[in-house]
Amino acid sequence: MAVRWRDRTADRGRLCSGLANIGAIEERCSALLVLHASLASKHLAVVSRRLAAVATIFLPISFLAGFFGQNFNVLTGSIEKGWPAFWSSAWD
């Protein structure tokens, strides 16, 4: 059984074509990975923005509830009517 030159040339052409197709698939996969990372970071930014908005609302409220909910007269008893003294000490 003799191997002909034309058979080798055809096999080499198919091999080169297959390698080119694999290279194209690799480029598409890398582009999809970049797109996925971009979408994931955008989603993370949206979630972080929502968390910041919720924290902006609830952190001061929880601080005030914790401060004025103390059962120690030393902390809250010396404050006259609470709010003016609190705001003056908060802005210092």
Protein backbone atom coordinates (compact mmCIF):
# COMPACT_ATOMS: atom_id res chain seq x y z
CA MET A 1 0.00 0.00 0.00
CA ALA A 2 1.62 3.18 -1.19
CA VAL A 3 0.87 6.58 0.26
CA ARG A 4 0.34 9.09 -2.43
CA TRP A 5 1.52 12.68 -2.30
CA ARG A 6 -1.97 13.96 -3.03
CA ASP A 7 -3.34 12.14 0.03
CA ARG A 8 -0.71 13.75 2.25
CA THR A 9 -1.42 17.18 0.81
CA ALA A 10 -5.14 16.74 1.36
CA ASP A 11 -4.54 15.54 4.92
CA ARG A 12 -2.26 18.50 5.59
CA GLY A 13 -4.90 20.89 4.23
CA ARG A 14 -7.58 19.36 6.45
CA LEU A 15 -5.26 19.55 9.43
CA CYS A 16 -4.48 23.23 8.84
CA SER A 17 -8.16 23.95 8.35
CA GLY A 18 -9.01 22.16 11.59
CA LEU A 19 -6.32 24.08 13.49
CA ALA A 20 -7.66 27.35 12.10
CA ASN A 21 -11.14 26.38 13.26
CA ILE A 22 -9.80 25.56 16.73
CA GLY A 23 -8.09 28.97 16.84
CA ALA A 24 -11.35 30.70 15.90
CA ILE A 25 -13.21 28.76 18.59
CA GLU A 26 -10.56 29.75 21.13
CA GLU A 27 -10.94 33.43 20.25
CA ARG A 28 -14.72 33.21 20.56
CA CYS A 29 -14.41 31.51 23.96
CA SER A 30 -12.05 34.19 25.24
CA ALA A 31 -14.44 36.89 24.01
CA LEU A 32 -17.31 35.15 25.83
CA LEU A 33 -15.26 34.99 29.03
CA VAL A 34 -14.56 38.72 28.83
CA LEU A 35 -18.25 39.41 28.25
CA HIS A 36 -19.22 37.23 31.21
CA ALA A 37 -16.73 39.01 33.47
CA SER A 38 -18.09 42.37 32.34
CA LEU A 39 -21.67 41.35 33.09
CA ALA A 40 -20.70 39.96 36.48
CA SER A 41 -18.91 43.18 37.45
CA LYS A 42 -21.90 45.25 36.31
CA HIS A 43 -24.20 43.12 38.48
CA LEU A 44 -21.83 43.51 41.43
CA ALA A 45 -21.87 47.30 40.97
CA VAL A 46 -25.68 47.36 41.01
CA VAL A 47 -25.83 45.23 44.16
CA SER A 48 -23.19 47.40 45.86
CA ARG A 49 -25.13 50.55 45.00
CA ARG A 50 -28.29 49.09 46.54
CA LEU A 51 -26.41 48.03 49.66
CA ALA A 52 -24.95 51.52 50.03
CA ALA A 53 -28.42 53.06 49.75
CA VAL A 54 -29.84 50.72 52.39
CA ALA A 55 -26.87 51.31 54.70
CA THR A 56 -27.21 55.09 54.28
CA ILE A 57 -30.79 54.89 55.52
CA PHE A 58 -30.49 52.32 58.29
CA LEU A 59 -27.07 52.96 59.87
CA PRO A 60 -27.94 56.36 61.40
CA ILE A 61 -31.30 55.04 62.57
CA SER A 62 -29.73 52.03 64.24
CA PHE A 63 -27.10 54.25 65.86
CA LEU A 64 -29.76 56.56 67.29
CA ALA A 65 -31.85 53.65 68.52
CA GLY A 66 -28.80 52.08 70.13
CA PHE A 67 -27.62 55.32 71.71
CA PHE A 68 -30.92 56.45 73.15
CA GLY A 69 -31.92 52.90 74.07
CA GLN A 70 -29.16 52.65 76.65
CA ASN A 71 -30.17 51.85 80.20
CA PHE A 72 -27.25 53.77 81.64
CA ASN A 73 -27.96 57.14 83.13
CA VAL A 74 -24.34 58.18 82.61
CA LEU A 75 -24.67 58.02 78.83
CA THR A 76 -28.14 59.40 78.29
CA GLY A 77 -29.10 61.11 81.55
CA SER A 78 -26.84 64.13 81.12
CA ILE A 79 -28.22 65.01 77.70
CA GLU A 80 -30.86 67.69 77.99
CA LYS A 81 -33.71 66.86 75.63
CA GLY A 82 -31.35 64.64 73.68
CA TRP A 83 -31.37 65.99 70.15
CA PRO A 84 -29.57 69.37 70.41
CA ALA A 85 -26.74 67.90 72.46
CA PHE A 86 -26.49 64.92 70.15
CA TRP A 87 -26.27 67.01 67.00
CA SER A 88 -23.75 69.40 68.54
CA SER A 89 -21.53 66.50 69.57
CA ALA A 90 -22.02 64.73 66.24
CA TRP A 91 -20.78 67.69 64.19
CA ASP A 92 -17.65 68.27 66.30
